[in-house]
Amino acid sequence: MKLWSLLTGDLSSRFYPVTSSRRFHQIVSDATPPWLPPQAEVFDLPTSATMRTLWVATYTGMYGRARIYARQDRLIVALEGQEMGGLLYQGGNTFVASWDHGVRVVFGTGNVPVAGFTVTRRKRVVTYQRVE
């Protein structure tokens, strides 16, 4: 820490020695900033077979091909042939990834097979377009 401060010219560690303590880092990592909204509740609403047919297809985007397919009563995502997991239906045209509740998948609207979807993780948005 001191070597890094000398190299970067950062003198804050001299004035705030508590910042390097283990207890300080634990408190900071455990704290949730009051300005952050609470985590939204994640649902797993049922979908009908008719609804699932709107979304089942192969899509292409920045990270390659994504295949959405149905298994039993759930939509499953496979990226470049590797199964990622299921999608939890939130209502409307929105899903949350079962493997990471911070990933939102929003499909296009309409009662016809959708043209694509967007994936949002933190502030990053990636668009996928329907191939078949």
C-alpha atoms as a PDB file:
ATOM      1  CA  MET A   1       0.000   0.000   0.000  1.00  0.00           C
ATOM      2  CA  LYS A   2       2.772   2.450   0.905  1.00  0.00           C
ATOM      3  CA  LEU A   3       4.754   1.585  -2.222  1.00  0.00           C
ATOM      4  CA  TRP A   4       1.657   2.148  -4.365  1.00  0.00           C
ATOM      5  CA  SER A   5       1.076   5.510  -2.643  1.00  0.00           C
ATOM      6  CA  LEU A   6       4.634   6.564  -3.349  1.00  0.00           C
ATOM      7  CA  LEU A   7       4.424   5.541  -7.010  1.00  0.00           C
ATOM      8  CA  THR A   8       1.074   7.202  -7.669  1.00  0.00           C
ATOM      9  CA  GLY A   9       1.542  10.219  -5.434  1.00  0.00           C
ATOM     10  CA  ASP A  10      -1.570   9.260  -3.474  1.00  0.00           C
ATOM     11  CA  LEU A  11      -1.158  10.638   0.024  1.00  0.00           C
ATOM     12  CA  SER A  12      -4.590   9.681   1.322  1.00  0.00           C
ATOM     13  CA  SER A  13      -3.252   6.690   3.243  1.00  0.00           C
ATOM     14  CA  ARG A  14      -1.143   9.053   5.364  1.00  0.00           C
ATOM     15  CA  PHE A  15      -4.157  11.062   6.432  1.00  0.00           C
ATOM     16  CA  TYR A  16      -6.701   8.223   6.667  1.00  0.00           C
ATOM     17  CA  PRO A  17      -4.885   5.187   8.067  1.00  0.00           C
ATOM     18  CA  VAL A  18      -8.194   3.461   8.845  1.00  0.00           C
ATOM     19  CA  THR A  19      -8.809   2.859   5.118  1.00  0.00           C
ATOM     20  CA  SER A  20      -6.193   0.141   5.037  1.00  0.00           C
ATOM     21  CA  SER A  21      -7.590  -1.762   8.011  1.00  0.00           C
ATOM     22  CA  ARG A  22      -9.316  -5.098   7.493  1.00  0.00           C
ATOM     23  CA  ARG A  23     -12.297  -3.982   9.594  1.00  0.00           C
ATOM     24  CA  PHE A  24     -12.820  -0.889   7.420  1.00  0.00           C
ATOM     25  CA  HIS A  25     -12.908  -2.994   4.245  1.00  0.00           C
ATOM     26  CA  GLN A  26     -15.411  -5.386   5.842  1.00  0.00           C
ATOM     27  CA  ILE A  27     -17.704  -2.519   6.853  1.00  0.00           C
ATOM     28  CA  VAL A  28     -17.553  -0.948   3.400  1.00  0.00           C
ATOM     29  CA  SER A  29     -18.211  -4.234   1.599  1.00  0.00           C
ATOM     30  CA  ASP A  30     -21.181  -5.041   3.877  1.00  0.00           C
ATOM     31  CA  ALA A  31     -22.763  -1.600   3.552  1.00  0.00           C
ATOM     32  CA  THR A  32     -25.454  -0.953   0.973  1.00  0.00           C
ATOM     33  CA  PRO A  33     -25.509   2.667  -0.145  1.00  0.00           C
ATOM     34  CA  PRO A  34     -28.824   4.302   0.809  1.00  0.00           C
ATOM     35  CA  TRP A  35     -29.235   5.783  -2.679  1.00  0.00           C
ATOM     36  CA  LEU A  36     -29.469   2.353  -4.321  1.00  0.00           C
ATOM     37  CA  PRO A  37     -33.008   1.077  -4.838  1.00  0.00           C
ATOM     38  CA  PRO A  38     -33.849  -2.220  -3.160  1.00  0.00           C
ATOM     39  CA  GLN A  39     -33.510  -5.344  -5.281  1.00  0.00           C
ATOM     40  CA  ALA A  40     -36.696  -6.045  -7.192  1.00  0.00           C
ATOM     41  CA  GLU A  41     -38.482  -9.250  -6.329  1.00  0.00           C
ATOM     42  CA  VAL A  42     -37.898 -11.982  -8.911  1.00  0.00           C
ATOM     43  CA  PHE A  43     -40.940 -13.976  -9.993  1.00  0.00           C
ATOM     44  CA  ASP A  44     -41.284 -17.193 -11.946  1.00  0.00           C
ATOM     45  CA  LEU A  45     -44.710 -16.742 -13.497  1.00  0.00           C
ATOM     46  CA  PRO A  46     -46.177 -19.526 -15.642  1.00  0.00           C
ATOM     47  CA  THR A  47     -46.132 -19.249 -19.451  1.00  0.00           C
ATOM     48  CA  SER A  48     -48.462 -20.976 -21.869  1.00  0.00           C
ATOM     49  CA  ALA A  49     -47.262 -23.069 -24.803  1.00  0.00           C
ATOM     50  CA  THR A  50     -48.646 -20.397 -27.156  1.00  0.00           C
ATOM     51  CA  MET A  51     -46.619 -17.681 -25.424  1.00  0.00           C
ATOM     52  CA  ARG A  52     -43.424 -19.735 -25.542  1.00  0.00           C
ATOM     53  CA  THR A  53     -43.734 -20.205 -29.321  1.00  0.00           C
ATOM     54  CA  LEU A  54     -43.392 -16.418 -29.731  1.00  0.00           C
ATOM     55  CA  TRP A  55     -39.898 -16.488 -28.231  1.00  0.00           C
ATOM     56  CA  VAL A  56     -38.478 -19.888 -29.232  1.00  0.00           C
ATOM     57  CA  ALA A  57     -35.913 -19.344 -32.022  1.00  0.00           C
ATOM     58  CA  THR A  58     -32.255 -18.764 -32.806  1.00  0.00           C
ATOM     59  CA  TYR A  59     -30.930 -15.230 -32.456  1.00  0.00           C
ATOM     60  CA  THR A  60     -27.601 -13.613 -33.269  1.00  0.00           C
ATOM     61  CA  GLY A  61     -25.852 -10.811 -31.429  1.00  0.00           C
ATOM     62  CA  MET A  62     -22.564  -9.479 -30.133  1.00  0.00           C
ATOM     63  CA  TYR A  63     -21.629 -12.681 -28.296  1.00  0.00           C
ATOM     64  CA  GLY A  64     -22.614 -15.075 -31.078  1.00  0.00           C
ATOM     65  CA  ARG A  65     -25.698 -17.202 -31.550  1.00  0.00           C
ATOM     66  CA  ALA A  66     -28.231 -17.552 -28.784  1.00  0.00           C
ATOM     67  CA  ARG A  67     -30.805 -20.298 -28.998  1.00  0.00           C
ATOM     68  CA  ILE A  68     -33.984 -20.000 -26.964  1.00  0.00           C
ATOM     69  CA  TYR A  69     -35.906 -23.254 -26.658  1.00  0.00           C
ATOM     70  CA  ALA A  70     -38.622 -24.707 -24.462  1.00  0.00           C
ATOM     71  CA  ARG A  71     -38.115 -27.547 -22.023  1.00  0.00           C
ATOM     72  CA  GLN A  72     -41.234 -28.598 -20.148  1.00  0.00           C
ATOM     73  CA  ASP A  73     -42.818 -25.285 -19.028  1.00  0.00           C
ATOM     74  CA  ARG A  74     -39.677 -23.159 -19.133  1.00  0.00           C
ATOM     75  CA  LEU A  75     -37.592 -21.257 -21.697  1.00  0.00           C
ATOM     76  CA  ILE A  76     -33.913 -22.216 -21.781  1.00  0.00           C
ATOM     77  CA  VAL A  77     -31.012 -20.157 -23.193  1.00  0.00           C
ATOM     78  CA  ALA A  78     -28.006 -21.670 -24.956  1.00  0.00           C
ATOM     79  CA  LEU A  79     -25.205 -19.343 -26.070  1.00  0.00           C
ATOM     80  CA  GLU A  80     -22.962 -20.747 -28.798  1.00  0.00           C
ATOM     81  CA  GLY A  81     -24.232 -24.243 -28.007  1.00  0.00           C
ATOM     82  CA  GLN A  82     -23.518 -23.968 -24.269  1.00  0.00           C
ATOM     83  CA  GLU A  83     -26.651 -24.108 -22.142  1.00  0.00           C
ATOM     84  CA  MET A  84     -26.766 -21.133 -19.775  1.00  0.00           C
ATOM     85  CA  GLY A  85     -29.967 -21.925 -17.881  1.00  0.00           C
ATOM     86  CA  GLY A  86     -33.624 -21.066 -17.664  1.00  0.00           C
ATOM     87  CA  LEU A  87     -35.443 -17.773 -17.956  1.00  0.00           C
ATOM     88  CA  LEU A  88     -37.810 -16.708 -15.173  1.00  0.00           C
ATOM     89  CA  TYR A  89     -40.909 -14.987 -16.563  1.00  0.00           C
ATOM     90  CA  GLN A  90     -41.629 -11.611 -14.948  1.00  0.00           C
ATOM     91  CA  GLY A  91     -44.714 -10.700 -16.962  1.00  0.00           C
ATOM     92  CA  GLY A  92     -45.219  -8.774 -20.192  1.00  0.00           C
ATOM     93  CA  ASN A  93     -42.189  -9.478 -22.355  1.00  0.00           C
ATOM     94  CA  THR A  94     -39.571  -9.511 -19.581  1.00  0.00           C
ATOM     95  CA  PHE A  95     -37.537 -12.389 -18.188  1.00  0.00           C
ATOM     96  CA  VAL A  96     -34.754 -12.667 -15.605  1.00  0.00           C
ATOM     97  CA  ALA A  97     -31.933 -15.174 -15.963  1.00  0.00           C
ATOM     98  CA  SER A  98     -32.170 -17.969 -13.402  1.00  0.00           C
ATOM     99  CA  TRP A  99     -28.371 -18.126 -13.105  1.00  0.00           C
ATOM    100  CA  ASP A 100     -27.960 -14.370 -12.450  1.00  0.00           C
ATOM    101  CA  HIS A 101     -30.913 -12.248 -11.304  1.00  0.00           C
ATOM    102  CA  GLY A 102     -29.067  -9.126 -12.474  1.00  0.00           C
ATOM    103  CA  VAL A 103     -29.523 -10.182 -16.118  1.00  0.00           C
ATOM    104  CA  ARG A 104     -32.778  -9.007 -17.716  1.00  0.00           C
ATOM    105  CA  VAL A 105     -33.974 -10.291 -21.083  1.00  0.00           C
ATOM    106  CA  VAL A 106     -36.662  -8.193 -22.787  1.00  0.00           C
ATOM    107  CA  PHE A 107     -38.252  -9.503 -25.978  1.00  0.00           C
ATOM    108  CA  GLY A 108     -39.953  -7.401 -28.644  1.00  0.00           C
ATOM    109  CA  THR A 109     -43.712  -7.005 -28.347  1.00  0.00           C
ATOM    110  CA  GLY A 110     -46.582  -8.379 -30.361  1.00  0.00           C
ATOM    111  CA  ASN A 111     -48.562 -11.541 -30.904  1.00  0.00           C
ATOM    112  CA  VAL A 112     -46.309 -12.724 -33.717  1.00  0.00           C
ATOM    113  CA  PRO A 113     -42.885 -14.326 -33.299  1.00  0.00           C
ATOM    114  CA  VAL A 114     -40.637 -11.568 -31.970  1.00  0.00           C
ATOM    115  CA  ALA A 115     -37.863 -10.066 -34.107  1.00  0.00           C
ATOM    116  CA  GLY A 116     -35.323  -9.932 -31.298  1.00  0.00           C
ATOM    117  CA  PHE A 117     -34.531  -9.211 -27.686  1.00  0.00           C
ATOM    118  CA  THR A 118     -32.197  -7.156 -25.519  1.00  0.00           C
ATOM    119  CA  VAL A 119     -30.095  -8.376 -22.632  1.00  0.00           C
ATOM    120  CA  THR A 120     -29.315  -5.900 -19.865  1.00  0.00           C
ATOM    121  CA  ARG A 121     -26.660  -6.461 -17.204  1.00  0.00           C
ATOM    122  CA  ARG A 122     -25.884  -3.489 -15.007  1.00  0.00           C
ATOM    123  CA  LYS A 123     -25.750  -0.628 -17.532  1.00  0.00           C
ATOM    124  CA  ARG A 124     -24.694  -2.733 -20.500  1.00  0.00           C
ATOM    125  CA  VAL A 125     -27.306  -3.477 -23.170  1.00  0.00           C
ATOM    126  CA  VAL A 126     -26.788  -6.093 -25.899  1.00  0.00           C
ATOM    127  CA  THR A 127     -29.258  -6.629 -28.748  1.00  0.00           C
ATOM    128  CA  TYR A 128     -29.976  -9.966 -30.434  1.00  0.00           C
ATOM    129  CA  GLN A 129     -31.891 -10.352 -33.721  1.00  0.00           C
ATOM    130  CA  ARG A 130     -33.932 -13.372 -34.786  1.00  0.00           C
ATOM    131  CA  VAL A 131     -32.230 -15.567 -37.396  1.00  0.00           C
ATOM    132  CA  GLU A 132     -34.891 -18.221 -38.013  1.00  0.00           C
END
